[in-house]
Amino acid sequence: QVQLVESGGGLVQAGGSLRLSCVASGRTLSHYAMGWFRQAPGKEREFVAAISRNGGRTSYADSVKGRFTISRDNGKNTVSLQMNSLKPEDTAVYSCATVDGSYTSSFYYTSRTPSEYDYWGQGTQVTVSS
């Protein structure tokens, strides 16, 4: 059984930083591209960042580019999201997910499309106060 568990969320003032982590069990993450998404109350789920199987390619939403950094440690089966210069509009539940294996034959594939992801974590709350 595949499980993804996020941690690192919390309450931070605008301009502050948080580091989210996603640890997987039941799946070897080095075989899969990964992504982070977020969902604010009353809004649809939104792509945040993605990373390829080997970490050689990353992709970011325009709203977080230059502030957020996605990384992975395949040896620890972990993907992280470093979030700097946080803004109140970053407030949301952040979830990590793995890309369906049928899409990840390439070591450099990344995805912004939620339907291409097959397993999701339960999410961690990030709240940024103004």
C-alpha atoms as a PDB file:
ATOM      1  CA  GLN A   1       0.000   0.000   0.000  1.00  0.00           C
ATOM      2  CA  VAL A   2       1.366   3.360  -1.034  1.00  0.00           C
ATOM      3  CA  GLN A   3       1.312   6.160   1.509  1.00  0.00           C
ATOM      4  CA  LEU A   4       2.568   9.707   1.195  1.00  0.00           C
ATOM      5  CA  VAL A   5       2.848  11.729   4.388  1.00  0.00           C
ATOM      6  CA  GLU A   6       3.513  15.455   4.385  1.00  0.00           C
ATOM      7  CA  SER A   7       4.921  17.464   7.268  1.00  0.00           C
ATOM      8  CA  GLY A   8       6.342  20.899   7.949  1.00  0.00           C
ATOM      9  CA  GLY A   9       3.283  23.065   7.580  1.00  0.00           C
ATOM     10  CA  GLY A  10       2.314  25.723  10.094  1.00  0.00           C
ATOM     11  CA  LEU A  11       1.630  29.379  10.755  1.00  0.00           C
ATOM     12  CA  VAL A  12       4.189  31.916   9.565  1.00  0.00           C
ATOM     13  CA  GLN A  13       4.267  35.660   9.032  1.00  0.00           C
ATOM     14  CA  ALA A  14       4.467  37.126   5.565  1.00  0.00           C
ATOM     15  CA  GLY A  15       8.057  37.104   4.364  1.00  0.00           C
ATOM     16  CA  GLY A  16       8.879  34.022   6.382  1.00  0.00           C
ATOM     17  CA  SER A  17       9.897  30.536   5.291  1.00  0.00           C
ATOM     18  CA  LEU A  18       8.729  26.970   5.698  1.00  0.00           C
ATOM     19  CA  ARG A  19      10.080  23.654   4.473  1.00  0.00           C
ATOM     20  CA  LEU A  20       7.605  20.923   3.625  1.00  0.00           C
ATOM     21  CA  SER A  21       8.583  17.277   3.419  1.00  0.00           C
ATOM     22  CA  CYS A  22       6.850  14.297   1.869  1.00  0.00           C
ATOM     23  CA  VAL A  23       7.893  10.799   2.875  1.00  0.00           C
ATOM     24  CA  ALA A  24       6.714   7.772   0.938  1.00  0.00           C
ATOM     25  CA  SER A  25       6.135   4.195   1.968  1.00  0.00           C
ATOM     26  CA  GLY A  26       5.150   1.317  -0.267  1.00  0.00           C
ATOM     27  CA  ARG A  27       6.690   2.954  -3.306  1.00  0.00           C
ATOM     28  CA  THR A  28      10.267   3.662  -4.373  1.00  0.00           C
ATOM     29  CA  LEU A  29      10.101   7.342  -5.254  1.00  0.00           C
ATOM     30  CA  SER A  30      13.152   7.214  -7.517  1.00  0.00           C
ATOM     31  CA  HIS A  31      10.921   5.506 -10.092  1.00  0.00           C
ATOM     32  CA  TYR A  32       8.415   8.357 -10.189  1.00  0.00           C
ATOM     33  CA  ALA A  33       8.155  12.023 -10.965  1.00  0.00           C
ATOM     34  CA  MET A  34       6.674  13.978  -8.076  1.00  0.00           C
ATOM     35  CA  GLY A  35       4.694  17.125  -7.545  1.00  0.00           C
ATOM     36  CA  TRP A  36       3.308  19.525  -4.970  1.00  0.00           C
ATOM     37  CA  PHE A  37      -0.179  20.992  -5.269  1.00  0.00           C
ATOM     38  CA  ARG A  38      -2.168  23.293  -3.015  1.00  0.00           C
ATOM     39  CA  GLN A  39      -5.802  24.038  -2.379  1.00  0.00           C
ATOM     40  CA  ALA A  40      -7.172  27.084  -0.608  1.00  0.00           C
ATOM     41  CA  PRO A  41     -10.700  27.182   0.830  1.00  0.00           C
ATOM     42  CA  GLY A  42     -13.276  27.675  -1.902  1.00  0.00           C
ATOM     43  CA  LYS A  43     -10.694  27.304  -4.661  1.00  0.00           C
ATOM     44  CA  GLU A  44      -9.658  24.523  -7.000  1.00  0.00           C
ATOM     45  CA  ARG A  45      -6.491  22.534  -6.519  1.00  0.00           C
ATOM     46  CA  GLU A  46      -3.536  24.372  -7.990  1.00  0.00           C
ATOM     47  CA  PHE A  47      -0.195  23.122  -9.289  1.00  0.00           C
ATOM     48  CA  VAL A  48       2.796  24.410  -7.322  1.00  0.00           C
ATOM     49  CA  ALA A  49       5.952  22.541  -8.344  1.00  0.00           C
ATOM     50  CA  ALA A  50       7.136  19.297  -9.928  1.00  0.00           C
ATOM     51  CA  ILE A  51      10.378  17.354 -10.142  1.00  0.00           C
ATOM     52  CA  SER A  52      11.504  14.585 -12.462  1.00  0.00           C
ATOM     53  CA  ARG A  53      12.519  11.083 -11.391  1.00  0.00           C
ATOM     54  CA  ASN A  54      16.197  11.916 -11.286  1.00  0.00           C
ATOM     55  CA  GLY A  55      15.764  15.466 -10.034  1.00  0.00           C
ATOM     56  CA  GLY A  56      17.290  16.815 -13.214  1.00  0.00           C
ATOM     57  CA  ARG A  57      14.259  18.819 -14.237  1.00  0.00           C
ATOM     58  CA  THR A  58      11.900  20.979 -12.200  1.00  0.00           C
ATOM     59  CA  SER A  59       8.810  22.997 -13.019  1.00  0.00           C
ATOM     60  CA  TYR A  60       7.090  25.772 -11.063  1.00  0.00           C
ATOM     61  CA  ALA A  61       3.875  27.727 -11.150  1.00  0.00           C
ATOM     62  CA  ASP A  62       4.503  31.341 -12.097  1.00  0.00           C
ATOM     63  CA  SER A  63       3.094  32.444  -8.735  1.00  0.00           C
ATOM     64  CA  VAL A  64       5.882  30.677  -6.794  1.00  0.00           C
ATOM     65  CA  LYS A  65       8.801  30.825  -9.220  1.00  0.00           C
ATOM     66  CA  GLY A  66      11.872  32.309  -7.570  1.00  0.00           C
ATOM     67  CA  ARG A  67      10.444  31.787  -4.072  1.00  0.00           C
ATOM     68  CA  PHE A  68       9.865  28.030  -3.845  1.00  0.00           C
ATOM     69  CA  THR A  69      12.326  25.206  -4.510  1.00  0.00           C
ATOM     70  CA  ILE A  70      11.411  21.564  -4.964  1.00  0.00           C
ATOM     71  CA  SER A  71      14.013  18.889  -4.303  1.00  0.00           C
ATOM     72  CA  ARG A  72      14.223  15.176  -3.719  1.00  0.00           C
ATOM     73  CA  ASP A  73      16.376  12.703  -1.844  1.00  0.00           C
ATOM     74  CA  ASN A  74      15.756   9.351  -3.452  1.00  0.00           C
ATOM     75  CA  GLY A  75      17.916   7.636  -0.870  1.00  0.00           C
ATOM     76  CA  LYS A  76      15.492   8.783   1.837  1.00  0.00           C
ATOM     77  CA  ASN A  77      12.394   8.367  -0.339  1.00  0.00           C
ATOM     78  CA  THR A  78      11.583  12.011   0.318  1.00  0.00           C
ATOM     79  CA  VAL A  79      10.558  15.073  -1.652  1.00  0.00           C
ATOM     80  CA  SER A  80      10.752  18.558  -0.144  1.00  0.00           C
ATOM     81  CA  LEU A  81       9.425  22.017  -0.898  1.00  0.00           C
ATOM     82  CA  GLN A  82      11.394  24.973   0.443  1.00  0.00           C
ATOM     83  CA  MET A  83       9.125  28.000   0.584  1.00  0.00           C
ATOM     84  CA  ASN A  84      10.661  31.438   1.054  1.00  0.00           C
ATOM     85  CA  SER A  85       9.231  34.960   1.000  1.00  0.00           C
ATOM     86  CA  LEU A  86       5.818  33.583   1.823  1.00  0.00           C
ATOM     87  CA  LYS A  87       2.750  35.679   1.074  1.00  0.00           C
ATOM     88  CA  PRO A  88      -0.779  35.525   2.536  1.00  0.00           C
ATOM     89  CA  GLU A  89      -1.997  34.225  -0.833  1.00  0.00           C
ATOM     90  CA  ASP A  90       0.192  31.132  -0.315  1.00  0.00           C
ATOM     91  CA  THR A  91      -2.169  30.016   2.451  1.00  0.00           C
ATOM     92  CA  ALA A  92      -3.540  26.592   1.533  1.00  0.00           C
ATOM     93  CA  VAL A  93      -3.358  22.883   2.207  1.00  0.00           C
ATOM     94  CA  TYR A  94      -0.267  21.553   0.433  1.00  0.00           C
ATOM     95  CA  SER A  95      -0.197  17.980  -0.853  1.00  0.00           C
ATOM     96  CA  CYS A  96       2.471  15.906  -2.517  1.00  0.00           C
ATOM     97  CA  ALA A  97       1.729  13.313  -5.163  1.00  0.00           C
ATOM     98  CA  THR A  98       3.414  10.790  -7.437  1.00  0.00           C
ATOM     99  CA  VAL A  99       2.994  10.724 -11.201  1.00  0.00           C
ATOM    100  CA  ASP A 100       1.407   7.594 -12.640  1.00  0.00           C
ATOM    101  CA  GLY A 101       4.186   5.291 -13.763  1.00  0.00           C
ATOM    102  CA  SER A 102       2.825   5.108 -17.298  1.00  0.00           C
ATOM    103  CA  TYR A 103       3.938   8.736 -17.788  1.00  0.00           C
ATOM    104  CA  THR A 104       7.407   8.446 -16.354  1.00  0.00           C
ATOM    105  CA  SER A 105       9.402   6.366 -18.786  1.00  0.00           C
ATOM    106  CA  SER A 106      11.589   9.443 -19.212  1.00  0.00           C
ATOM    107  CA  PHE A 107      13.938  10.358 -16.375  1.00  0.00           C
ATOM    108  CA  TYR A 108      13.205  14.029 -17.103  1.00  0.00           C
ATOM    109  CA  TYR A 109       9.396  14.020 -17.259  1.00  0.00           C
ATOM    110  CA  THR A 110       7.453  16.427 -15.063  1.00  0.00           C
ATOM    111  CA  SER A 111       3.728  17.094 -14.938  1.00  0.00           C
ATOM    112  CA  ARG A 112       1.461  20.006 -13.996  1.00  0.00           C
ATOM    113  CA  THR A 113      -1.700  17.966 -14.601  1.00  0.00           C
ATOM    114  CA  PRO A 114      -3.461  16.531 -11.517  1.00  0.00           C
ATOM    115  CA  SER A 115      -5.035  13.711 -13.532  1.00  0.00           C
ATOM    116  CA  GLU A 116      -1.564  12.328 -14.285  1.00  0.00           C
ATOM    117  CA  TYR A 117      -0.896  11.778 -10.580  1.00  0.00           C
ATOM    118  CA  ASP A 118      -2.044   8.550  -8.974  1.00  0.00           C
ATOM    119  CA  TYR A 119      -1.195   8.734  -5.255  1.00  0.00           C
ATOM    120  CA  TRP A 120      -1.704  11.739  -3.006  1.00  0.00           C
ATOM    121  CA  GLY A 121      -0.834  12.614   0.560  1.00  0.00           C
ATOM    122  CA  GLN A 122      -3.415  13.936   2.998  1.00  0.00           C
ATOM    123  CA  GLY A 123      -1.906  17.412   2.963  1.00  0.00           C
ATOM    124  CA  THR A 124      -0.382  19.833   5.442  1.00  0.00           C
ATOM    125  CA  GLN A 125      -1.808  23.258   6.269  1.00  0.00           C
ATOM    126  CA  VAL A 126       0.254  26.355   5.526  1.00  0.00           C
ATOM    127  CA  THR A 127      -1.071  29.638   6.872  1.00  0.00           C
ATOM    128  CA  VAL A 128       0.657  32.927   6.137  1.00  0.00           C
ATOM    129  CA  SER A 129      -0.429  35.930   8.164  1.00  0.00           C
ATOM    130  CA  SER A 130      -0.114  39.500   6.910  1.00  0.00           C
END
